[in-house]
Each structure stands twice: as structure tokens, then as C-alpha cells.
Amino acid sequence: MTSDASFATIAELAPEIRSGALRSVDLTERLIERIGRLNGALHAIVGLTRERALAEAAAADAMIAAGDYLGPLHGIPYLAKDLFDVAGEVTAAGMSVPAGGVAAADGAVVRRLAAAGMILIGKTHTVQLAADILGINHALGTPHNPWHREAHIPGGSSSGSAVAVAAGLAPMALGTDTGGSVRAPAGLCGTVGLKTTVGRVSRAGVYPLSWTFDSVGPLTRSVEDAALVYQAMQGPDTDDDSTLRVSPDDVLGDLKKGVAGLDIAVGETAFFDGVDAEVDDAVRAAAEVCRSLGADVAGLEMPEVAEAQALSHEPAHYAVEGYAFNRAIVDGHDGPLDAALAWMADGRDIPAVEYFLARRRLADLRRRFAARLEGVDAFLVPTTALPARPVAEVDADRDSFFRYSGIYLRNTSLGNLLGLCAVSVPCGFSADGLPIGLMVYAKPFDEAMALRVAYAYQQATEWRTRRPDHSWAA
């Protein structure tokens, strides 16, 4: 095993495992040891499933040795955000008093990844009830963005998953995305993050925040890895009726076809308002890379995006569903609730008619935006308007917390409101050495296109080769 195997991609590890040059047990033990050594400083992992992981890894090695190879995920270790049910493990959802209790069975995605041969090694930290884009959790602690010695925000709510992948604790970690909770931490921690269209991947066995907006997606080191994991996760599930509308999609067939001849827009409206100059430069440079690869790249005004931004401030869009599921916690929790949960309490007083009308306004906006994207294959925007800022600055007081939440949430939440899929991929670094994310948006249910564009860009640049110097964490 090479010295940097902790940062190897799934696509790099898979041939070694298949050939027997690398045993899944050895890789699993190495990652568990690495977590034990670094997690005290990084605070990414809630807990390990060591016995399960080693048993699954041994079984994978035996199957492969017998010629029964399941595919490129077979024998690959991964982590799951602590919203995913894992049999016999607590689903705490970021709460000191577990929100979901001990799971009786694995959730749907965990089962599907097990069927593909993946090895679950543990669960990652999240924020309270997955309701914060910054990644701050006052009750259980905040994962440390590995790109800086000083505590910087990791992004949320899939905070631990992003930190774990960025720091070489696992090649993949599961996340969820309701308003940007896969993409924001991916962008801020320098990983790839795939936000799937609601209906592509089952949410059964995932602690919910919003039935309308919740989606499941992987955080990985490469776009190819995200595609491999997505291919195994997707598909209909009778336990989540949103998945029964669309047939599974093959995203691997066109992944490496490049972007020559594609119409790629730069989403000018709202997405670039108030963006940090380094972020603006990096994203526009990424657009030029796509142009150099043969894509037809042009700016596109999107007035519907401004409407979506206005709708995002209406509490009916998130608060009703968040409160409906978590009312017992919001109304009766004895301990401190993070400030990010304050909006959830608004849901108790919103009339049903207001909720219904908000849903209808959103459906109309999505129809009009779909027409705007006719003839556009994908569009590019910054994942977040700023690179990661120090936790002490962001969390200085309540006003600062909510101001930064709005800044980091804007570009990602617009995609949830408009029903889009997206990939965040690293596109540069700030002068302080902090990652900058490029977000590739595509039409609903066109994950194949989002991944194809992101893959072409990632292969043409060197950002994927960067590693954080987190020797201070050892």
C-alpha cells in the first residue's frame, strides 16, 4: 500500500482490491487507525462500527478471492452522516439526546451500498437536526476544517463527512442536502459533493428535515467516485414514494465524453452578488477552462433566481415540515438548541392555506425556470460566496451567526428551491489556503450531465491533487 493510500480515490483503490494487491481488511484497519489518531483534533467522527467493518471487509476479501467480485465499490470503506440509520447504532441527528434512537435496521442507502460491497466504518458528526449551513454544533462540538490550524467553519450540515473525506479518513462519506448540506461543506473543505434530485435516491431510514427538499448524496475526492457511488445508491424504493416516478439513470456511460459542443452558462443573476473577489475569479476561470475544452460558454441572466431568493425567506417553505417532524424536540427540549433551529419554531403558527399556496408558487416558479434552461446543458456558479471563515468570527454572536448563514446558504439553497441537481468541485484556493468550490448545476434528474461537466473540469485542472497539511492534528 502506498504511503498516500489514505487519500486515494475509489477508482484508484478498486483495481488493487480486485487484484488482491490490497486487502479490504488492511485498508479498513488503516483508516480506523488513522481516525483514532486524528479525530481528536478534527472531531469529524461520532463513532466507529469497528466490528461490523472488519467482518464486512473480511467477507469482501473472501468473495473477491473466490472470483465473486461485485464491482468497483466492493471492499471500499466509507462513512455515513449521523442521520442515516445503521442497525444497532444510535441515530442522534446531532443532538446530545438522540433524536432518532437506536436503529432497528439499516436505512435504504446503507443497504444498497452493502449490496455493492462497501464497508461501513463509522458515522460522522452533523449539526443539530441537520438545520445549519455553517457546520457549527454547540452541543456536540464543531468539526475542524482541515485546511487551517485555526478553527474555520467546515460547512453544514454534512460537516463531519466533508472533514473526514478532506482529511483522508475515508474515500467517501454520505451526506444529505436540504438547502446545501452536501455542497457547502464540500466546497468549503475541498471535496466533491453531489446533490441529487429529490426522487433519485431513497430517503428511507434517513432522519428527515423536509420531505419536499431533503436529498441524499455522496462526498468524495473525485467526480468519478461520486458517479460510482451514485450509480449504486439510486433507484426506486417503495419506502420512499418520491423515487417511484423516475427510472434509474446510467451516469457512467457519458461521464468521460467531455464538454465539447455543450452549451454551458454562467448563472449571472443573484449567484455572484456580493461574492468574494477570489471566489469570483476562480469560478470565472473555471468557465474559461470549460470554453477551452470546446464548450459554448456564455453568461445567462436568470430573473427567476431572484424570485427564488425571495421565496427562500418565506418560513412556509421549510419551517412547516421541519417543525412537523421535530415538534416534540423544538417544544420540549431541555438543553440548549442552536440558533439555527429558531426558524423551525415558526412552523407551528403557519396556516395550512399559507403552506399550500407557498407550494403552488414554488411549483409555478420551477416550471418557468425550466423554460429558461431550455437549450442550456448546465450552468456554473460559486458553491459559496466566501471561502471558510474562522468559527470565532462567524459565531461571535447571534447576529453574526445568522448573517453568515444567509451568505453561505444562498447559492446552494436556490438549487433546492428550483429542484435542480448539482455537483460542487474544487476550483481554487484563497490566499489563506482555503478551498473554493465551483458548482455545476443541471436540470432536474440530469445528474449525468452535472457529473459529466464536473468530471471534464476536474480532469483538466490540478486542484484535485492538493492535500491539506493537517500535521497539527496528529
Foldseek 3Di string as FASTA:
>chain_A
DDPVVLQDALVVVQVCCLVVVDQLLVVLVVLVVVCVQFCVQQVWFPDWPAVQQNVLSVVLSVCSVVVNQLDSQASFEEEEALQWADAQDASQQAHPRRPGGHHNHGFQQVVLSVVSHYGYTGYTHFARNFQFQQQAHPHRGGGAQLQDPFRWTLTARSRSQLSCCQASSGQKYKDKCQQQHFLLNCQQNFWKKWWAFQQFFDCGRGRDQALQQITMFMTGLALVSRLVSSLRGTADDPSNVSNVPDGHDNLPVLQAVAAAPAEEEAEPPPLQVLFDPVLVVLQVVLQVLSVVRHHRYYYDYDVLLVVLLVLVPDLLVGQQRNCVSCVCCVVPPPDDHDPSCPSNVVNVPDDPVNSVVSVVVLVVSLVVRVVSCVRHFKYKGWQFRDHIDRPCQCVVDPVSVVVVRCRNRSPRNSCSSNRWIWMWHWRDADPSRTTTTMIIIGHHPPSSSRSNHRNNSPVSDDSSVDHRPNVVSD
